[in-house]
Amino acid sequence: MGSFSIWHWLVVLIIVMLVFGTKKLRNIGSDLGGAVRGFKEGMKEGGSDKPTDAAGTSQKKEGNIIEGEIKEKSKSA
């Protein structure tokens, strides 16, 4: 079977254009481009090193200082 020549691909392209039409093929191309663009933006947003909580704010895992005062000592079980 081997590889196809340029003439085979041109015949396939003409048949696809006759079946689907140029307008539908143009719409499919723009939809596919929008999907790829959205995927790239999602990968950029998801690639940040900062972990986020449920509210979407970033949290720092180390270096947090909690100040407070113990009023009563409770018994541990």
C-alpha atoms as a PDB file:
ATOM      1  CA  MET A   1       0.000   0.000   0.000  1.00  0.00           C
ATOM      2  CA  GLY A   2       2.802   2.443   0.895  1.00  0.00           C
ATOM      3  CA  SER A   3       2.466   6.192   1.012  1.00  0.00           C
ATOM      4  CA  PHE A   4      -0.040   8.142  -1.012  1.00  0.00           C
ATOM      5  CA  SER A   5       0.942  10.643  -3.660  1.00  0.00           C
ATOM      6  CA  ILE A   6      -0.203  14.252  -3.729  1.00  0.00           C
ATOM      7  CA  TRP A   7      -2.925  13.345  -6.243  1.00  0.00           C
ATOM      8  CA  HIS A   8      -4.502  10.875  -3.836  1.00  0.00           C
ATOM      9  CA  TRP A   9      -4.640  13.532  -1.100  1.00  0.00           C
ATOM     10  CA  LEU A  10      -6.155  16.100  -3.509  1.00  0.00           C
ATOM     11  CA  VAL A  11      -8.916  13.656  -4.489  1.00  0.00           C
ATOM     12  CA  VAL A  12      -9.645  12.945  -0.804  1.00  0.00           C
ATOM     13  CA  LEU A  13      -9.736  16.691  -0.072  1.00  0.00           C
ATOM     14  CA  ILE A  14     -12.173  17.327  -2.936  1.00  0.00           C
ATOM     15  CA  ILE A  15     -14.465  14.526  -1.771  1.00  0.00           C
ATOM     16  CA  VAL A  16     -14.432  15.833   1.826  1.00  0.00           C
ATOM     17  CA  MET A  17     -15.254  19.355   0.596  1.00  0.00           C
ATOM     18  CA  LEU A  18     -18.147  18.023  -1.491  1.00  0.00           C
ATOM     19  CA  VAL A  19     -19.555  16.012   1.420  1.00  0.00           C
ATOM     20  CA  PHE A  20     -19.204  18.574   4.209  1.00  0.00           C
ATOM     21  CA  GLY A  21     -19.002  21.897   2.383  1.00  0.00           C
ATOM     22  CA  THR A  22     -16.478  24.666   2.927  1.00  0.00           C
ATOM     23  CA  LYS A  23     -18.568  26.557   5.496  1.00  0.00           C
ATOM     24  CA  LYS A  24     -18.869  23.571   7.806  1.00  0.00           C
ATOM     25  CA  LEU A  25     -15.147  22.811   7.474  1.00  0.00           C
ATOM     26  CA  ARG A  26     -14.330  26.438   8.348  1.00  0.00           C
ATOM     27  CA  ASN A  27     -16.527  26.222  11.461  1.00  0.00           C
ATOM     28  CA  ILE A  28     -14.871  22.983  12.526  1.00  0.00           C
ATOM     29  CA  GLY A  29     -11.445  24.603  12.123  1.00  0.00           C
ATOM     30  CA  SER A  30     -12.348  27.640  14.224  1.00  0.00           C
ATOM     31  CA  ASP A  31     -13.927  25.444  16.923  1.00  0.00           C
ATOM     32  CA  LEU A  32     -10.823  23.278  17.049  1.00  0.00           C
ATOM     33  CA  GLY A  33      -8.588  26.358  17.292  1.00  0.00           C
ATOM     34  CA  GLY A  34     -10.673  27.751  20.158  1.00  0.00           C
ATOM     35  CA  ALA A  35     -10.473  24.436  22.002  1.00  0.00           C
ATOM     36  CA  VAL A  36      -6.693  24.320  21.650  1.00  0.00           C
ATOM     37  CA  ARG A  37      -6.394  27.939  22.826  1.00  0.00           C
ATOM     38  CA  GLY A  38      -8.568  27.207  25.873  1.00  0.00           C
ATOM     39  CA  PHE A  39      -6.484  24.134  26.678  1.00  0.00           C
ATOM     40  CA  LYS A  40      -3.253  26.148  26.545  1.00  0.00           C
ATOM     41  CA  GLU A  41      -4.700  28.837  28.849  1.00  0.00           C
ATOM     42  CA  GLY A  42      -5.854  26.149  31.272  1.00  0.00           C
ATOM     43  CA  MET A  43      -2.387  24.611  31.311  1.00  0.00           C
ATOM     44  CA  LYS A  44      -0.830  28.017  32.070  1.00  0.00           C
ATOM     45  CA  GLU A  45      -3.244  28.574  34.980  1.00  0.00           C
ATOM     46  CA  GLY A  46      -2.821  25.052  36.301  1.00  0.00           C
ATOM     47  CA  GLY A  47       0.968  25.218  36.110  1.00  0.00           C
ATOM     48  CA  SER A  48       1.434  27.634  38.995  1.00  0.00           C
ATOM     49  CA  ASP A  49       3.454  26.296  41.930  1.00  0.00           C
ATOM     50  CA  LYS A  50       1.236  27.893  44.581  1.00  0.00           C
ATOM     51  CA  PRO A  51      -1.321  25.540  46.152  1.00  0.00           C
ATOM     52  CA  THR A  52      -4.812  26.983  46.465  1.00  0.00           C
ATOM     53  CA  ASP A  53      -7.607  26.261  48.902  1.00  0.00           C
ATOM     54  CA  ALA A  54     -11.321  25.880  48.126  1.00  0.00           C
ATOM     55  CA  ALA A  55     -11.821  29.663  47.962  1.00  0.00           C
ATOM     56  CA  GLY A  56      -9.072  29.980  45.344  1.00  0.00           C
ATOM     57  CA  THR A  57      -6.633  31.923  47.517  1.00  0.00           C
ATOM     58  CA  SER A  58      -3.050  30.787  47.751  1.00  0.00           C
ATOM     59  CA  GLN A  59      -1.721  29.304  50.962  1.00  0.00           C
ATOM     60  CA  LYS A  60       1.818  29.213  52.226  1.00  0.00           C
ATOM     61  CA  LYS A  61       2.691  25.870  53.800  1.00  0.00           C
ATOM     62  CA  GLU A  62       5.686  26.966  55.853  1.00  0.00           C
ATOM     63  CA  GLY A  63       6.533  30.110  57.731  1.00  0.00           C
ATOM     64  CA  ASN A  64       3.080  30.741  59.200  1.00  0.00           C
ATOM     65  CA  ILE A  65       3.136  32.006  62.773  1.00  0.00           C
ATOM     66  CA  ILE A  66       0.024  31.606  64.861  1.00  0.00           C
ATOM     67  CA  GLU A  67      -0.086  33.805  67.922  1.00  0.00           C
ATOM     68  CA  GLY A  68      -2.399  33.044  70.761  1.00  0.00           C
ATOM     69  CA  GLU A  69      -2.692  32.483  74.470  1.00  0.00           C
ATOM     70  CA  ILE A  70      -3.715  29.392  76.407  1.00  0.00           C
ATOM     71  CA  LYS A  71      -6.410  30.122  78.991  1.00  0.00           C
ATOM     72  CA  GLU A  72      -7.026  26.583  80.251  1.00  0.00           C
ATOM     73  CA  LYS A  73      -5.194  23.365  79.838  1.00  0.00           C
ATOM     74  CA  SER A  74      -7.593  20.648  78.745  1.00  0.00           C
ATOM     75  CA  LYS A  75      -7.070  16.977  79.532  1.00  0.00           C
ATOM     76  CA  SER A  76      -6.162  14.763  76.605  1.00  0.00           C
ATOM     77  CA  ALA A  77      -7.944  11.449  76.260  1.00  0.00           C
END
